[in-house]
């Protein structure tokens, strides 16, 4: 007989890609798009808001490089592509504090790559 899953150690676990690649790599990398600073800001903001049940981790490649910087929040599995500290603040307040979603920053599983989206728009 299997045991039930244990309770969550953290209510939310955020993985922020800080991966680095060569500057000429075709996929780019999150660290070249300021992900290290954005992750540090998120960590500080979560601490400032008293979110002791939330863990903000640095991650290596999350394999959504073209959208970077990227992060994913578990247990929900919601992906975001924040560009600014204001975006990070909005994610902290809306998602981590209030349980909502910041739809304008969300990455969807079927979202076309940025270059593919431009090509599709130009073709139509």
PDB file of N, CA and C in Angstrom:
ATOM      1  N   UNK A   1       0.851  -1.179   0.000  1.00  0.00           N
ATOM      2  CA  UNK A   1       0.000   0.000   0.000  1.00  0.00           C
ATOM      3  C   UNK A   1       0.897   1.243   0.000  1.00  0.00           C
ATOM      4  N   UNK A   2       0.583   2.207  -0.835  1.00  0.00           N
ATOM      5  CA  UNK A   2       1.424   3.397  -0.917  1.00  0.00           C
ATOM      6  C   UNK A   2       1.036   4.426   0.142  1.00  0.00           C
ATOM      7  N   UNK A   3       2.029   5.171   0.556  1.00  0.00           N
ATOM      8  CA  UNK A   3       1.804   6.227   1.537  1.00  0.00           C
ATOM      9  C   UNK A   3       1.301   7.477   0.833  1.00  0.00           C
ATOM     10  N   UNK A   4       0.509   8.281   1.514  1.00  0.00           N
ATOM     11  CA  UNK A   4       0.094   9.558   0.915  1.00  0.00           C
ATOM     12  C   UNK A   4       1.299  10.490   0.827  1.00  0.00           C
ATOM     13  N   UNK A   5       1.220  11.431  -0.097  1.00  0.00           N
ATOM     14  CA  UNK A   5       2.297  12.414  -0.215  1.00  0.00           C
ATOM     15  C   UNK A   5       2.420  13.189   1.092  1.00  0.00           C
ATOM     16  N   UNK A   6       3.641  13.524   1.466  1.00  0.00           N
ATOM     17  CA  UNK A   6       3.818  14.333   2.673  1.00  0.00           C
ATOM     18  C   UNK A   6       3.330  15.758   2.422  1.00  0.00           C
ATOM     19  N   UNK A   7       3.099  16.510   3.484  1.00  0.00           N
ATOM     20  CA  UNK A   7       2.714  17.911   3.278  1.00  0.00           C
ATOM     21  C   UNK A   7       3.856  18.669   2.592  1.00  0.00           C
ATOM     22  N   UNK A   8       3.490  19.750   1.910  1.00  0.00           N
ATOM     23  CA  UNK A   8       4.496  20.562   1.226  1.00  0.00           C
ATOM     24  C   UNK A   8       5.431  21.203   2.242  1.00  0.00           C
ATOM     25  N   UNK A   9       6.724  21.162   1.953  1.00  0.00           N
ATOM     26  CA  UNK A   9       7.695  21.828   2.816  1.00  0.00           C
ATOM     27  C   UNK A   9       7.602  23.342   2.631  1.00  0.00           C
ATOM     28  N   UNK A  10       7.408  23.751   1.374  1.00  0.00           N
ATOM     29  CA  UNK A  10       7.166  25.154   1.030  1.00  0.00           C
ATOM     30  C   UNK A  10       5.810  25.240   0.342  1.00  0.00           C
ATOM     31  N   UNK A  11       5.077  26.272   0.627  1.00  0.00           N
ATOM     32  CA  UNK A  11       3.801  26.506  -0.058  1.00  0.00           C
ATOM     33  C   UNK A  11       4.035  26.758  -1.537  1.00  0.00           C
ATOM     34  N   UNK A  12       5.097  27.478  -1.845  1.00  0.00           N
ATOM     35  CA  UNK A  12       5.462  27.757  -3.241  1.00  0.00           C
ATOM     36  C   UNK A  12       6.970  27.668  -3.374  1.00  0.00           C
ATOM     37  N   UNK A  13       7.399  27.165  -4.510  1.00  0.00           N
ATOM     38  CA  UNK A  13       8.813  27.022  -4.807  1.00  0.00           C
ATOM     39  C   UNK A  13       9.056  27.646  -6.174  1.00  0.00           C
ATOM     40  N   UNK A  14       9.863  28.697  -6.214  1.00  0.00           N
ATOM     41  CA  UNK A  14      10.116  29.443  -7.442  1.00  0.00           C
ATOM     42  C   UNK A  14      11.510  29.107  -7.946  1.00  0.00           C
ATOM     43  N   UNK A  15      11.588  28.706  -9.202  1.00  0.00           N
ATOM     44  CA  UNK A  15      12.875  28.444  -9.832  1.00  0.00           C
ATOM     45  C   UNK A  15      13.111  29.534 -10.876  1.00  0.00           C
ATOM     46  N   UNK A  16      14.175  30.292 -10.691  1.00  0.00           N
ATOM     47  CA  UNK A  16      14.535  31.395 -11.589  1.00  0.00           C
ATOM     48  C   UNK A  16      15.781  30.993 -12.368  1.00  0.00           C
ATOM     49  N   UNK A  17      15.674  30.935 -13.675  1.00  0.00           N
ATOM     50  CA  UNK A  17      16.825  30.566 -14.488  1.00  0.00           C
ATOM     51  C   UNK A  17      17.874  31.676 -14.431  1.00  0.00           C
ATOM     52  N   UNK A  18      19.096  31.270 -14.124  1.00  0.00           N
ATOM     53  CA  UNK A  18      20.237  32.198 -14.151  1.00  0.00           C
ATOM     54  C   UNK A  18      21.349  31.614 -15.031  1.00  0.00           C
ATOM     55  N   UNK A  19      20.961  30.739 -15.945  1.00  0.00           N
ATOM     56  CA  UNK A  19      21.925  30.058 -16.805  1.00  0.00           C
ATOM     57  C   UNK A  19      22.690  31.047 -17.688  1.00  0.00           C
ATOM     58  N   UNK A  20      23.948  30.706 -17.941  1.00  0.00           N
ATOM     59  CA  UNK A  20      24.809  31.520 -18.800  1.00  0.00           C
ATOM     60  C   UNK A  20      25.283  30.676 -19.972  1.00  0.00           C
ATOM     61  N   UNK A  21      25.194  31.272 -21.156  1.00  0.00           N
ATOM     62  CA  UNK A  21      25.718  30.656 -22.368  1.00  0.00           C
ATOM     63  C   UNK A  21      26.643  31.646 -23.061  1.00  0.00           C
ATOM     64  N   UNK A  22      27.358  31.161 -24.040  1.00  0.00           N
ATOM     65  CA  UNK A  22      28.224  32.035 -24.842  1.00  0.00           C
ATOM     66  C   UNK A  22      27.376  33.125 -25.488  1.00  0.00           C
ATOM     67  N   UNK A  23      27.915  34.342 -25.596  1.00  0.00           N
ATOM     68  CA  UNK A  23      27.138  35.458 -26.163  1.00  0.00           C
ATOM     69  C   UNK A  23      26.585  35.191 -27.563  1.00  0.00           C
ATOM     70  N   UNK A  24      27.230  34.338 -28.325  1.00  0.00           N
ATOM     71  CA  UNK A  24      26.776  34.080 -29.693  1.00  0.00           C
ATOM     72  C   UNK A  24      25.869  32.849 -29.795  1.00  0.00           C
ATOM     73  N   UNK A  25      25.456  32.285 -28.663  1.00  0.00           N
ATOM     74  CA  UNK A  25      24.599  31.100 -28.712  1.00  0.00           C
ATOM     75  C   UNK A  25      23.250  31.484 -29.318  1.00  0.00           C
ATOM     76  N   UNK A  26      22.732  30.691 -30.264  1.00  0.00           N
ATOM     77  CA  UNK A  26      21.495  31.070 -30.956  1.00  0.00           C
ATOM     78  C   UNK A  26      20.257  31.157 -30.061  1.00  0.00           C
ATOM     79  N   UNK A  27      20.237  30.445 -28.933  1.00  0.00           N
ATOM     80  CA  UNK A  27      19.070  30.483 -28.060  1.00  0.00           C
ATOM     81  C   UNK A  27      19.162  31.594 -27.020  1.00  0.00           C
ATOM     82  N   UNK A  28      20.334  32.176 -26.865  1.00  0.00           N
ATOM     83  CA  UNK A  28      20.513  33.192 -25.834  1.00  0.00           C
ATOM     84  C   UNK A  28      20.523  32.549 -24.459  1.00  0.00           C
ATOM     85  N   UNK A  29      20.486  33.380 -23.429  1.00  0.00           N
ATOM     86  CA  UNK A  29      20.431  32.847 -22.070  1.00  0.00           C
ATOM     87  C   UNK A  29      19.793  33.881 -21.145  1.00  0.00           C
ATOM     88  N   UNK A  30      19.251  33.373 -20.065  1.00  0.00           N
ATOM     89  CA  UNK A  30      18.526  34.237 -19.126  1.00  0.00           C
ATOM     90  C   UNK A  30      19.454  35.208 -18.401  1.00  0.00           C
ATOM     91  N   UNK A  31      20.658  34.769 -18.055  1.00  0.00           N
ATOM     92  CA  UNK A  31      21.543  35.676 -17.314  1.00  0.00           C
ATOM     93  C   UNK A  31      21.915  36.909 -18.139  1.00  0.00           C
ATOM     94  N   UNK A  32      22.008  36.765 -19.445  1.00  0.00           N
ATOM     95  CA  UNK A  32      22.302  37.917 -20.303  1.00  0.00           C
ATOM     96  C   UNK A  32      21.117  38.877 -20.367  1.00  0.00           C
ATOM     97  N   UNK A  33      19.960  38.423 -19.897  1.00  0.00           N
ATOM     98  CA  UNK A  33      18.748  39.254 -19.891  1.00  0.00           C
ATOM     99  C   UNK A  33      18.390  39.694 -18.475  1.00  0.00           C
ATOM    100  N   UNK A  34      19.392  39.758 -17.609  1.00  0.00           N
ATOM    101  CA  UNK A  34      19.257  40.336 -16.259  1.00  0.00           C
ATOM    102  C   UNK A  34      18.585  39.426 -15.236  1.00  0.00           C
ATOM    103  N   UNK A  35      18.589  38.114 -15.471  1.00  0.00           N
ATOM    104  CA  UNK A  35      17.887  37.211 -14.564  1.00  0.00           C
ATOM    105  C   UNK A  35      18.511  37.133 -13.171  1.00  0.00           C
ATOM    106  N   UNK A  36      19.813  37.304 -13.071  1.00  0.00           N
ATOM    107  CA  UNK A  36      20.466  37.224 -11.756  1.00  0.00           C
ATOM    108  C   UNK A  36      19.961  38.358 -10.856  1.00  0.00           C
ATOM    109  N   UNK A  37      19.895  39.555 -11.393  1.00  0.00           N
ATOM    110  CA  UNK A  37      19.396  40.706 -10.620  1.00  0.00           C
ATOM    111  C   UNK A  37      17.911  40.549 -10.302  1.00  0.00           C
ATOM    112  N   UNK A  38      17.124  40.066 -11.258  1.00  0.00           N
ATOM    113  CA  UNK A  38      15.693  39.890 -11.026  1.00  0.00           C
ATOM    114  C   UNK A  38      15.429  38.829  -9.960  1.00  0.00           C
ATOM    115  N   UNK A  39      16.200  37.744  -9.970  1.00  0.00           N
ATOM    116  CA  UNK A  39      16.043  36.721  -8.949  1.00  0.00           C
ATOM    117  C   UNK A  39      16.410  37.271  -7.574  1.00  0.00           C
ATOM    118  N   UNK A  40      17.510  38.001  -7.495  1.00  0.00           N
ATOM    119  CA  UNK A  40      17.913  38.600  -6.213  1.00  0.00           C
ATOM    120  C   UNK A  40      16.836  39.545  -5.699  1.00  0.00           C
ATOM    121  N   UNK A  41      16.238  40.310  -6.601  1.00  0.00           N
ATOM    122  CA  UNK A  41      15.164  41.224  -6.203  1.00  0.00           C
ATOM    123  C   UNK A  41      13.958  40.430  -5.691  1.00  0.00           C
ATOM    124  N   UNK A  42      13.594  39.349  -6.391  1.00  0.00           N
ATOM    125  CA  UNK A  42      12.448  38.544  -5.959  1.00  0.00           C
ATOM    126  C   UNK A  42      12.703  37.951  -4.584  1.00  0.00           C
ATOM    127  N   UNK A  43      13.902  37.458  -4.368  1.00  0.00           N
ATOM    128  CA  UNK A  43      14.243  36.876  -3.073  1.00  0.00           C
ATOM    129  C   UNK A  43      14.128  37.917  -1.958  1.00  0.00           C
ATOM    130  N   UNK A  44      14.661  39.102  -2.202  1.00  0.00           N
ATOM    131  CA  UNK A  44      14.584  40.186  -1.216  1.00  0.00           C
ATOM    132  C   UNK A  44      13.143  40.621  -0.982  1.00  0.00           C
ATOM    133  N   UNK A  45      12.375  40.707  -2.050  1.00  0.00           N
ATOM    134  CA  UNK A  45      10.970  41.136  -1.931  1.00  0.00           C
ATOM    135  C   UNK A  45      10.147  40.106  -1.154  1.00  0.00           C
ATOM    136  N   UNK A  46      10.372  38.826  -1.418  1.00  0.00           N
ATOM    137  CA  UNK A  46       9.661  37.774  -0.687  1.00  0.00           C
ATOM    138  C   UNK A  46      10.003  37.835   0.801  1.00  0.00           C
ATOM    139  N   UNK A  47      11.265  38.078   1.095  1.00  0.00           N
ATOM    140  CA  UNK A  47      11.675  38.208   2.499  1.00  0.00           C
ATOM    141  C   UNK A  47      11.022  39.429   3.134  1.00  0.00           C
ATOM    142  N   UNK A  48      11.021  40.540   2.402  1.00  0.00           N
ATOM    143  CA  UNK A  48      10.406  41.777   2.888  1.00  0.00           C
ATOM    144  C   UNK A  48       8.917  41.582   3.175  1.00  0.00           C
ATOM    145  N   UNK A  49       8.251  40.767   2.365  1.00  0.00           N
ATOM    146  CA  UNK A  49       6.808  40.514   2.534  1.00  0.00           C
ATOM    147  C   UNK A  49       6.541  39.421   3.566  1.00  0.00           C
ATOM    148  N   UNK A  50       7.617  38.851   4.145  1.00  0.00           N
ATOM    149  CA  UNK A  50       7.452  37.839   5.175  1.00  0.00           C
ATOM    150  C   UNK A  50       6.999  36.495   4.659  1.00  0.00           C
ATOM    151  N   UNK A  51       7.328  36.171   3.426  1.00  0.00           N
ATOM    152  CA  UNK A  51       6.894  34.911   2.815  1.00  0.00           C
ATOM    153  C   UNK A  51       7.854  33.777   3.199  1.00  0.00           C
ATOM    154  N   UNK A  52       7.796  33.368   4.456  1.00  0.00           N
ATOM    155  CA  UNK A  52       8.699  32.322   4.949  1.00  0.00           C
ATOM    156  C   UNK A  52       8.350  30.942   4.410  1.00  0.00           C
ATOM    157  N   UNK A  53       7.169  30.791   3.835  1.00  0.00           N
ATOM    158  CA  UNK A  53       6.760  29.513   3.267  1.00  0.00           C
ATOM    159  C   UNK A  53       6.952  29.459   1.756  1.00  0.00           C
ATOM    160  N   UNK A  54       7.762  30.379   1.239  1.00  0.00           N
ATOM    161  CA  UNK A  54       8.069  30.440  -0.190  1.00  0.00           C
ATOM    162  C   UNK A  54       9.585  30.382  -0.345  1.00  0.00           C
ATOM    163  N   UNK A  55      10.050  29.567  -1.277  1.00  0.00           N
ATOM    164  CA  UNK A  55      11.481  29.441  -1.547  1.00  0.00           C
ATOM    165  C   UNK A  55      11.765  29.951  -2.947  1.00  0.00           C
ATOM    166  N   UNK A  56      12.746  30.859  -3.047  1.00  0.00           N
ATOM    167  CA  UNK A  56      13.167  31.411  -4.341  1.00  0.00           C
ATOM    168  C   UNK A  56      14.539  30.817  -4.649  1.00  0.00           C
ATOM    169  N   UNK A  57      14.623  29.976  -5.661  1.00  0.00           N
ATOM    170  CA  UNK A  57      15.873  29.301  -6.005  1.00  0.00           C
ATOM    171  C   UNK A  57      16.428  29.764  -7.340  1.00  0.00           C
ATOM    172  N   UNK A  58      17.758  29.765  -7.419  1.00  0.00           N
ATOM    173  CA  UNK A  58      18.438  29.937  -8.699  1.00  0.00           C
ATOM    174  C   UNK A  58      18.416  28.583  -9.396  1.00  0.00           C
ATOM    175  N   UNK A  59      18.176  28.602 -10.679  1.00  0.00           N
ATOM    176  CA  UNK A  59      18.137  27.375 -11.461  1.00  0.00           C
ATOM    177  C   UNK A  59      19.033  27.534 -12.672  1.00  0.00           C
ATOM    178  N   UNK A  60      19.531  26.438 -13.143  1.00  0.00           N
ATOM    179  CA  UNK A  60      20.203  26.457 -14.430  1.00  0.00           C
ATOM    180  C   UNK A  60      19.117  26.392 -15.503  1.00  0.00           C
ATOM    181  N   UNK A  61      19.462  26.035 -16.692  1.00  0.00           N
ATOM    182  CA  UNK A  61      18.551  26.141 -17.832  1.00  0.00           C
ATOM    183  C   UNK A  61      17.206  25.458 -17.591  1.00  0.00           C
ATOM    184  N   UNK A  62      16.137  26.217 -17.821  1.00  0.00           N
ATOM    185  CA  UNK A  62      14.770  25.699 -17.749  1.00  0.00           C
ATOM    186  C   UNK A  62      14.234  25.367 -19.141  1.00  0.00           C
ATOM    187  N   UNK A  63      15.068  25.562 -20.163  1.00  0.00           N
ATOM    188  CA  UNK A  63      14.777  25.196 -21.551  1.00  0.00           C
ATOM    189  C   UNK A  63      13.656  26.007 -22.191  1.00  0.00           C
ATOM    190  N   UNK A  64      13.525  27.252 -21.764  1.00  0.00           N
ATOM    191  CA  UNK A  64      12.614  28.191 -22.444  1.00  0.00           C
ATOM    192  C   UNK A  64      13.409  29.467 -22.719  1.00  0.00           C
ATOM    193  N   UNK A  65      14.648  29.268 -23.136  1.00  0.00           N
ATOM    194  CA  UNK A  65      15.665  30.311 -23.267  1.00  0.00           C
ATOM    195  C   UNK A  65      15.219  31.507 -24.102  1.00  0.00           C
ATOM    196  N   UNK A  66      14.531  31.237 -25.192  1.00  0.00           N
ATOM    197  CA  UNK A  66      14.142  32.301 -26.107  1.00  0.00           C
ATOM    198  C   UNK A  66      13.171  33.298 -25.476  1.00  0.00           C
ATOM    199  N   UNK A  67      12.509  32.917 -24.406  1.00  0.00           N
ATOM    200  CA  UNK A  67      11.554  33.787 -23.731  1.00  0.00           C
ATOM    201  C   UNK A  67      12.167  34.520 -22.544  1.00  0.00           C
ATOM    202  N   UNK A  68      13.411  34.215 -22.235  1.00  0.00           N
ATOM    203  CA  UNK A  68      14.054  34.655 -20.997  1.00  0.00           C
ATOM    204  C   UNK A  68      14.018  36.132 -20.731  1.00  0.00           C
ATOM    205  N   UNK A  69      14.198  36.453 -19.468  1.00  0.00           N
ATOM    206  CA  UNK A  69      14.426  35.531 -18.360  1.00  0.00           C
ATOM    207  C   UNK A  69      13.149  34.791 -17.980  1.00  0.00           C
ATOM    208  N   UNK A  70      13.318  33.523 -17.583  1.00  0.00           N
ATOM    209  CA  UNK A  70      12.155  32.712 -17.245  1.00  0.00           C
ATOM    210  C   UNK A  70      12.209  32.243 -15.801  1.00  0.00           C
ATOM    211  N   UNK A  71      11.026  31.980 -15.274  1.00  0.00           N
ATOM    212  CA  UNK A  71      10.887  31.373 -13.948  1.00  0.00           C
ATOM    213  C   UNK A  71       9.637  30.513 -13.958  1.00  0.00           C
ATOM    214  N   UNK A  72       9.605  29.554 -13.041  1.00  0.00           N
ATOM    215  CA  UNK A  72       8.441  28.692 -12.888  1.00  0.00           C
ATOM    216  C   UNK A  72       8.138  28.575 -11.402  1.00  0.00           C
ATOM    217  N   UNK A  73       6.847  28.617 -11.078  1.00  0.00           N
ATOM    218  CA  UNK A  73       6.395  28.537  -9.692  1.00  0.00           C
ATOM    219  C   UNK A  73       5.627  27.239  -9.495  1.00  0.00           C
ATOM    220  N   UNK A  74       6.106  26.446  -8.552  1.00  0.00           N
ATOM    221  CA  UNK A  74       5.448  25.198  -8.178  1.00  0.00           C
ATOM    222  C   UNK A  74       4.853  25.340  -6.783  1.00  0.00           C
ATOM    223  N   UNK A  75       3.765  24.638  -6.466  1.00  0.00           N
ATOM    224  CA  UNK A  75       3.323  23.424  -7.134  1.00  0.00           C
ATOM    225  C   UNK A  75       2.429  23.652  -8.345  1.00  0.00           C
ATOM    226  N   UNK A  76       2.056  24.888  -8.654  1.00  0.00           N
ATOM    227  CA  UNK A  76       1.127  25.133  -9.753  1.00  0.00           C
ATOM    228  C   UNK A  76       1.731  24.885 -11.130  1.00  0.00           C
ATOM    229  N   UNK A  77       3.030  25.069 -11.273  1.00  0.00           N
ATOM    230  CA  UNK A  77       3.668  24.916 -12.575  1.00  0.00           C
ATOM    231  C   UNK A  77       3.387  26.083 -13.505  1.00  0.00           C
ATOM    232  N   UNK A  78       3.264  27.285 -12.941  1.00  0.00           N
ATOM    233  CA  UNK A  78       3.011  28.488 -13.741  1.00  0.00           C
ATOM    234  C   UNK A  78       4.353  29.115 -14.121  1.00  0.00           C
ATOM    235  N   UNK A  79       4.515  29.363 -15.418  1.00  0.00           N
ATOM    236  CA  UNK A  79       5.745  29.934 -15.962  1.00  0.00           C
ATOM    237  C   UNK A  79       5.552  31.427 -16.229  1.00  0.00           C
ATOM    238  N   UNK A  80       6.606  32.198 -15.944  1.00  0.00           N
ATOM    239  CA  UNK A  80       6.592  33.639 -16.186  1.00  0.00           C
ATOM    240  C   UNK A  80       7.871  34.068 -16.903  1.00  0.00           C
ATOM    241  N   UNK A  81       7.769  35.207 -17.588  1.00  0.00           N
ATOM    242  CA  UNK A  81       8.925  35.843 -18.238  1.00  0.00           C
ATOM    243  C   UNK A  81       8.960  37.308 -17.808  1.00  0.00           C
ATOM    244  N   UNK A  82       9.428  37.579 -16.591  1.00  0.00           N
ATOM    245  CA  UNK A  82       9.507  38.975 -16.141  1.00  0.00           C
ATOM    246  C   UNK A  82      10.688  39.689 -16.787  1.00  0.00           C
ATOM    247  N   UNK A  83      10.517  40.967 -17.065  1.00  0.00           N
ATOM    248  CA  UNK A  83      11.588  41.760 -17.682  1.00  0.00           C
ATOM    249  C   UNK A  83      12.157  42.811 -16.730  1.00  0.00           C
ATOM    250  N   UNK A  84      11.368  43.223 -15.748  1.00  0.00           N
ATOM    251  CA  UNK A  84      11.760  44.335 -14.876  1.00  0.00           C
ATOM    252  C   UNK A  84      11.503  43.984 -13.420  1.00  0.00           C
ATOM    253  N   UNK A  85      12.063  44.788 -12.509  1.00  0.00           N
ATOM    254  CA  UNK A  85      11.778  44.581 -11.088  1.00  0.00           C
ATOM    255  C   UNK A  85      10.299  44.844 -10.805  1.00  0.00           C
ATOM    256  N   UNK A  86       9.677  45.730 -11.553  1.00  0.00           N
ATOM    257  CA  UNK A  86       8.238  45.961 -11.393  1.00  0.00           C
ATOM    258  C   UNK A  86       7.454  44.698 -11.761  1.00  0.00           C
ATOM    259  N   UNK A  87       7.882  43.980 -12.803  1.00  0.00           N
ATOM    260  CA  UNK A  87       7.246  42.701 -13.156  1.00  0.00           C
ATOM    261  C   UNK A  87       7.390  41.707 -12.012  1.00  0.00           C
ATOM    262  N   UNK A  88       8.584  41.622 -11.442  1.00  0.00           N
ATOM    263  CA  UNK A  88       8.835  40.714 -10.322  1.00  0.00           C
ATOM    264  C   UNK A  88       7.954  41.082  -9.134  1.00  0.00           C
ATOM    265  N   UNK A  89       7.877  42.372  -8.820  1.00  0.00           N
ATOM    266  CA  UNK A  89       7.015  42.821  -7.719  1.00  0.00           C
ATOM    267  C   UNK A  89       5.567  42.399  -7.959  1.00  0.00           C
ATOM    268  N   UNK A  90       5.114  42.523  -9.199  1.00  0.00           N
ATOM    269  CA  UNK A  90       3.740  42.144  -9.531  1.00  0.00           C
ATOM    270  C   UNK A  90       3.521  40.640  -9.360  1.00  0.00           C
ATOM    271  N   UNK A  91       4.492  39.838  -9.743  1.00  0.00           N
ATOM    272  CA  UNK A  91       4.397  38.389  -9.568  1.00  0.00           C
ATOM    273  C   UNK A  91       4.360  38.039  -8.078  1.00  0.00           C
ATOM    274  N   UNK A  92       5.221  38.669  -7.287  1.00  0.00           N
ATOM    275  CA  UNK A  92       5.236  38.410  -5.842  1.00  0.00           C
ATOM    276  C   UNK A  92       3.873  38.740  -5.244  1.00  0.00           C
ATOM    277  N   UNK A  93       3.369  39.938  -5.524  1.00  0.00           N
ATOM    278  CA  UNK A  93       2.102  40.359  -4.920  1.00  0.00           C
ATOM    279  C   UNK A  93       0.911  39.552  -5.434  1.00  0.00           C
ATOM    280  N   UNK A  94       0.812  39.426  -6.755  1.00  0.00           N
ATOM    281  CA  UNK A  94      -0.362  38.792  -7.350  1.00  0.00           C
ATOM    282  C   UNK A  94      -0.359  37.278  -7.163  1.00  0.00           C
ATOM    283  N   UNK A  95       0.760  36.645  -7.439  1.00  0.00           N
ATOM    284  CA  UNK A  95       0.806  35.180  -7.397  1.00  0.00           C
ATOM    285  C   UNK A  95       1.147  34.658  -6.003  1.00  0.00           C
ATOM    286  N   UNK A  96       2.271  35.105  -5.461  1.00  0.00           N
ATOM    287  CA  UNK A  96       2.749  34.520  -4.207  1.00  0.00           C
ATOM    288  C   UNK A  96       1.989  35.008  -2.974  1.00  0.00           C
ATOM    289  N   UNK A  97       1.576  36.271  -2.957  1.00  0.00           N
ATOM    290  CA  UNK A  97       0.843  36.793  -1.799  1.00  0.00           C
ATOM    291  C   UNK A  97      -0.654  36.518  -1.930  1.00  0.00           C
ATOM    292  N   UNK A  98      -1.234  36.829  -3.100  1.00  0.00           N
ATOM    293  CA  UNK A  98      -2.690  36.772  -3.256  1.00  0.00           C
ATOM    294  C   UNK A  98      -3.224  35.536  -3.977  1.00  0.00           C
ATOM    295  N   UNK A  99      -2.342  34.699  -4.523  1.00  0.00           N
ATOM    296  CA  UNK A  99      -2.791  33.470  -5.170  1.00  0.00           C
ATOM    297  C   UNK A  99      -3.348  33.635  -6.568  1.00  0.00           C
ATOM    298  N   UNK A 100      -3.188  34.808  -7.169  1.00  0.00           N
ATOM    299  CA  UNK A 100      -3.673  35.040  -8.524  1.00  0.00           C
ATOM    300  C   UNK A 100      -2.608  34.737  -9.565  1.00  0.00           C
ATOM    301  N   UNK A 101      -2.817  35.238 -10.750  1.00  0.00           N
ATOM    302  CA  UNK A 101      -1.865  35.062 -11.851  1.00  0.00           C
ATOM    303  C   UNK A 101      -1.648  36.387 -12.551  1.00  0.00           C
ATOM    304  N   UNK A 102      -0.431  36.597 -13.044  1.00  0.00           N
ATOM    305  CA  UNK A 102      -0.106  37.783 -13.835  1.00  0.00           C
ATOM    306  C   UNK A 102      -0.123  37.320 -15.295  1.00  0.00           C
ATOM    307  N   UNK A 103      -1.295  37.357 -15.889  1.00  0.00           N
ATOM    308  CA  UNK A 103      -1.483  36.765 -17.214  1.00  0.00           C
ATOM    309  C   UNK A 103      -0.584  37.362 -18.280  1.00  0.00           C
ATOM    310  N   UNK A 104      -0.338  38.660 -18.227  1.00  0.00           N
ATOM    311  CA  UNK A 104       0.475  39.296 -19.273  1.00  0.00           C
ATOM    312  C   UNK A 104       1.926  38.814 -19.266  1.00  0.00           C
ATOM    313  N   UNK A 105       2.378  38.219 -18.165  1.00  0.00           N
ATOM    314  CA  UNK A 105       3.753  37.731 -18.056  1.00  0.00           C
ATOM    315  C   UNK A 105       3.861  36.210 -18.139  1.00  0.00           C
ATOM    316  N   UNK A 106       2.721  35.532 -18.229  1.00  0.00           N
ATOM    317  CA  UNK A 106       2.735  34.070 -18.244  1.00  0.00           C
ATOM    318  C   UNK A 106       3.221  33.524 -19.584  1.00  0.00           C
ATOM    319  N   UNK A 107       3.947  32.418 -19.492  1.00  0.00           N
ATOM    320  CA  UNK A 107       4.358  31.663 -20.671  1.00  0.00           C
ATOM    321  C   UNK A 107       3.459  30.439 -20.771  1.00  0.00           C
ATOM    322  N   UNK A 108       2.920  30.197 -21.948  1.00  0.00           N
ATOM    323  CA  UNK A 108       2.050  29.052 -22.168  1.00  0.00           C
ATOM    324  C   UNK A 108       2.833  27.925 -22.838  1.00  0.00           C
ATOM    325  N   UNK A 109       2.449  26.674 -22.573  1.00  0.00           N
ATOM    326  CA  UNK A 109       3.185  25.545 -23.151  1.00  0.00           C
ATOM    327  C   UNK A 109       3.256  25.579 -24.679  1.00  0.00           C
ATOM    328  N   UNK A 110       2.201  26.054 -25.329  1.00  0.00           N
ATOM    329  CA  UNK A 110       2.159  26.053 -26.795  1.00  0.00           C
ATOM    330  C   UNK A 110       2.552  27.395 -27.404  1.00  0.00           C
ATOM    331  N   UNK A 111       3.117  28.268 -26.598  1.00  0.00           N
ATOM    332  CA  UNK A 111       3.483  29.599 -27.083  1.00  0.00           C
ATOM    333  C   UNK A 111       4.603  29.497 -28.115  1.00  0.00           C
ATOM    334  N   UNK A 112       4.416  30.105 -29.285  1.00  0.00           N
ATOM    335  CA  UNK A 112       5.473  30.036 -30.300  1.00  0.00           C
ATOM    336  C   UNK A 112       6.700  30.832 -29.860  1.00  0.00           C
ATOM    337  N   UNK A 113       7.843  30.410 -30.343  1.00  0.00           N
ATOM    338  CA  UNK A 113       9.078  31.134 -30.047  1.00  0.00           C
ATOM    339  C   UNK A 113       8.947  32.561 -30.566  1.00  0.00           C
ATOM    340  N   UNK A 114       9.611  33.521 -29.924  1.00  0.00           N
ATOM    341  CA  UNK A 114       9.480  34.920 -30.353  1.00  0.00           C
ATOM    342  C   UNK A 114       9.730  35.118 -31.854  1.00  0.00           C
ATOM    343  N   UNK A 115      10.735  34.491 -32.418  1.00  0.00           N
ATOM    344  CA  UNK A 115      11.013  34.647 -33.842  1.00  0.00           C
ATOM    345  C   UNK A 115       9.935  33.997 -34.689  1.00  0.00           C
ATOM    346  N   UNK A 116       9.409  32.856 -34.244  1.00  0.00           N
ATOM    347  CA  UNK A 116       8.351  32.170 -34.983  1.00  0.00           C
ATOM    348  C   UNK A 116       7.073  32.998 -34.986  1.00  0.00           C
ATOM    349  N   UNK A 117       6.784  33.673 -33.889  1.00  0.00           N
ATOM    350  CA  UNK A 117       5.610  34.534 -33.830  1.00  0.00           C
ATOM    351  C   UNK A 117       5.700  35.676 -34.809  1.00  0.00           C
ATOM    352  N   UNK A 118       6.892  36.283 -34.945  1.00  0.00           N
ATOM    353  CA  UNK A 118       7.100  37.386 -35.884  1.00  0.00           C
ATOM    354  C   UNK A 118       6.970  36.891 -37.312  1.00  0.00           C
ATOM    355  N   UNK A 119       7.509  35.690 -37.580  1.00  0.00           N
ATOM    356  CA  UNK A 119       7.428  35.122 -38.919  1.00  0.00           C
ATOM    357  C   UNK A 119       5.974  34.808 -39.293  1.00  0.00           C
ATOM    358  N   UNK A 120       5.233  34.256 -38.345  1.00  0.00           N
ATOM    359  CA  UNK A 120       3.820  33.929 -38.595  1.00  0.00           C
ATOM    360  C   UNK A 120       3.000  35.189 -38.862  1.00  0.00           C
ATOM    361  N   UNK A 121       3.276  36.255 -38.107  1.00  0.00           N
ATOM    362  CA  UNK A 121       2.556  37.516 -38.295  1.00  0.00           C
ATOM    363  C   UNK A 121       2.885  38.126 -39.650  1.00  0.00           C
ATOM    364  N   UNK A 122       4.146  38.038 -40.062  1.00  0.00           N
ATOM    365  CA  UNK A 122       4.563  38.609 -41.335  1.00  0.00           C
ATOM    366  C   UNK A 122       3.952  37.825 -42.512  1.00  0.00           C
ATOM    367  N   UNK A 123       3.738  36.520 -42.307  1.00  0.00           N
ATOM    368  CA  UNK A 123       3.198  35.685 -43.374  1.00  0.00           C
ATOM    369  C   UNK A 123       1.701  35.908 -43.579  1.00  0.00           C
ATOM    370  N   UNK A 124       1.014  36.415 -42.553  1.00  0.00           N
ATOM    371  CA  UNK A 124      -0.442  36.567 -42.694  1.00  0.00           C
ATOM    372  C   UNK A 124      -0.855  37.900 -43.233  1.00  0.00           C
TER     373      UNK A 124
END
